[in-house]
Amino acid sequence: MAMQAREIEAMIKEALPDAKVEIRDLAGDGDHYSAIVVSEAFRGLTRVKQHQLVYNALQGKMGGQLHALALQTSAPTS
């Protein structure tokens, strides 16, 4: 069962309330998405730690309901 982009966005925003999230369905199949996530929670963290925060927000759905998620994460500028 595929995930909807709005469901992915909602889960990320629940875990990172200040996050600005942009989700795109890359293949039109509900299984392959890209996400740009900007959150103050990422400030000072390595890229790996930032991605772990997002994957944790998805509560184990990666690899199951969500097959692929290309991530770009960053802290806000200015």
C-alpha atoms as a PDB file:
ATOM      1  CA  MET A   1       0.000   0.000   0.000  1.00  0.00           C
ATOM      2  CA  ALA A   2       1.514   3.302  -1.125  1.00  0.00           C
ATOM      3  CA  MET A   3       1.728   6.480   0.953  1.00  0.00           C
ATOM      4  CA  GLN A   4       0.302   9.835  -0.066  1.00  0.00           C
ATOM      5  CA  ALA A   5       2.589  12.873  -0.166  1.00  0.00           C
ATOM      6  CA  ARG A   6       0.385  14.702   2.338  1.00  0.00           C
ATOM      7  CA  GLU A   7       0.732  11.786   4.785  1.00  0.00           C
ATOM      8  CA  ILE A   8       4.533  11.945   4.558  1.00  0.00           C
ATOM      9  CA  GLU A   9       4.443  15.710   5.067  1.00  0.00           C
ATOM     10  CA  ALA A  10       2.114  15.408   8.066  1.00  0.00           C
ATOM     11  CA  MET A  11       4.333  12.811   9.761  1.00  0.00           C
ATOM     12  CA  ILE A  12       7.439  14.959   9.281  1.00  0.00           C
ATOM     13  CA  LYS A  13       5.666  18.073  10.580  1.00  0.00           C
ATOM     14  CA  GLU A  14       4.362  16.175  13.597  1.00  0.00           C
ATOM     15  CA  ALA A  15       7.929  15.282  14.583  1.00  0.00           C
ATOM     16  CA  LEU A  16       9.453  18.605  13.468  1.00  0.00           C
ATOM     17  CA  PRO A  17       6.696  21.211  13.940  1.00  0.00           C
ATOM     18  CA  ASP A  18       8.723  24.127  12.546  1.00  0.00           C
ATOM     19  CA  ALA A  19       9.703  22.228   9.392  1.00  0.00           C
ATOM     20  CA  LYS A  20       9.075  23.538   5.930  1.00  0.00           C
ATOM     21  CA  VAL A  21       8.442  20.431   3.833  1.00  0.00           C
ATOM     22  CA  GLU A  22       8.200  20.011   0.072  1.00  0.00           C
ATOM     23  CA  ILE A  23       7.309  16.536  -1.207  1.00  0.00           C
ATOM     24  CA  ARG A  24       7.342  15.422  -4.845  1.00  0.00           C
ATOM     25  CA  ASP A  25       6.175  12.079  -6.228  1.00  0.00           C
ATOM     26  CA  LEU A  26       9.020  11.138  -8.553  1.00  0.00           C
ATOM     27  CA  ALA A  27       7.406   8.233 -10.409  1.00  0.00           C
ATOM     28  CA  GLY A  28       3.681   8.839  -9.957  1.00  0.00           C
ATOM     29  CA  ASP A  29       3.366   5.530  -8.130  1.00  0.00           C
ATOM     30  CA  GLY A  30       3.164   6.677  -4.501  1.00  0.00           C
ATOM     31  CA  ASP A  31       6.347   4.742  -3.700  1.00  0.00           C
ATOM     32  CA  HIS A  32       9.151   7.029  -4.878  1.00  0.00           C
ATOM     33  CA  TYR A  33       9.333  10.537  -3.442  1.00  0.00           C
ATOM     34  CA  SER A  34      11.775  13.350  -2.946  1.00  0.00           C
ATOM     35  CA  ALA A  35      11.567  15.605   0.071  1.00  0.00           C
ATOM     36  CA  ILE A  36      13.138  18.916   0.932  1.00  0.00           C
ATOM     37  CA  VAL A  37      12.946  19.512   4.680  1.00  0.00           C
ATOM     38  CA  VAL A  38      14.151  22.696   6.372  1.00  0.00           C
ATOM     39  CA  SER A  39      14.065  22.789  10.171  1.00  0.00           C
ATOM     40  CA  GLU A  40      15.867  24.572  12.978  1.00  0.00           C
ATOM     41  CA  ALA A  41      16.186  21.134  14.613  1.00  0.00           C
ATOM     42  CA  PHE A  42      18.872  20.327  12.025  1.00  0.00           C
ATOM     43  CA  ARG A  43      21.188  23.173  13.039  1.00  0.00           C
ATOM     44  CA  GLY A  44      24.599  21.839  14.046  1.00  0.00           C
ATOM     45  CA  LEU A  45      23.775  18.251  13.073  1.00  0.00           C
ATOM     46  CA  THR A  46      25.539  16.197  10.442  1.00  0.00           C
ATOM     47  CA  ARG A  47      23.611  15.370   7.283  1.00  0.00           C
ATOM     48  CA  VAL A  48      23.305  11.758   8.507  1.00  0.00           C
ATOM     49  CA  LYS A  49      21.762  12.889  11.821  1.00  0.00           C
ATOM     50  CA  GLN A  50      19.374  15.210   9.953  1.00  0.00           C
ATOM     51  CA  HIS A  51      18.214  12.350   7.739  1.00  0.00           C
ATOM     52  CA  GLN A  52      17.825  10.082  10.764  1.00  0.00           C
ATOM     53  CA  LEU A  53      15.427  12.606  12.319  1.00  0.00           C
ATOM     54  CA  VAL A  54      13.285  12.518   9.180  1.00  0.00           C
ATOM     55  CA  TYR A  55      13.372   8.708   8.923  1.00  0.00           C
ATOM     56  CA  ASN A  56      12.416   8.453  12.617  1.00  0.00           C
ATOM     57  CA  ALA A  57       9.460  10.757  11.920  1.00  0.00           C
ATOM     58  CA  LEU A  58       8.224   8.220   9.342  1.00  0.00           C
ATOM     59  CA  GLN A  59       7.835   5.631  12.109  1.00  0.00           C
ATOM     60  CA  GLY A  60       9.228   2.607  10.285  1.00  0.00           C
ATOM     61  CA  LYS A  61       7.308   3.129   7.041  1.00  0.00           C
ATOM     62  CA  MET A  62      10.550   3.424   5.015  1.00  0.00           C
ATOM     63  CA  GLY A  63      11.155   0.202   3.131  1.00  0.00           C
ATOM     64  CA  GLY A  64       7.545  -0.864   3.585  1.00  0.00           C
ATOM     65  CA  GLN A  65       4.758   1.505   2.588  1.00  0.00           C
ATOM     66  CA  LEU A  66       7.357   3.999   1.368  1.00  0.00           C
ATOM     67  CA  HIS A  67       9.888   2.417  -0.954  1.00  0.00           C
ATOM     68  CA  ALA A  68      12.211   5.367  -1.672  1.00  0.00           C
ATOM     69  CA  LEU A  69      12.676   8.875  -0.332  1.00  0.00           C
ATOM     70  CA  ALA A  70      15.418  11.124  -1.718  1.00  0.00           C
ATOM     71  CA  LEU A  71      16.127  13.626   1.056  1.00  0.00           C
ATOM     72  CA  GLN A  72      17.546  17.132   1.109  1.00  0.00           C
ATOM     73  CA  THR A  73      17.716  18.564   4.609  1.00  0.00           C
ATOM     74  CA  SER A  74      19.023  21.825   6.015  1.00  0.00           C
ATOM     75  CA  ALA A  75      18.640  24.367   8.781  1.00  0.00           C
ATOM     76  CA  PRO A  76      16.997  27.657   7.789  1.00  0.00           C
ATOM     77  CA  THR A  77      19.243  30.414   6.514  1.00  0.00           C
ATOM     78  CA  SER A  78      18.989  33.760   8.271  1.00  0.00           C
END
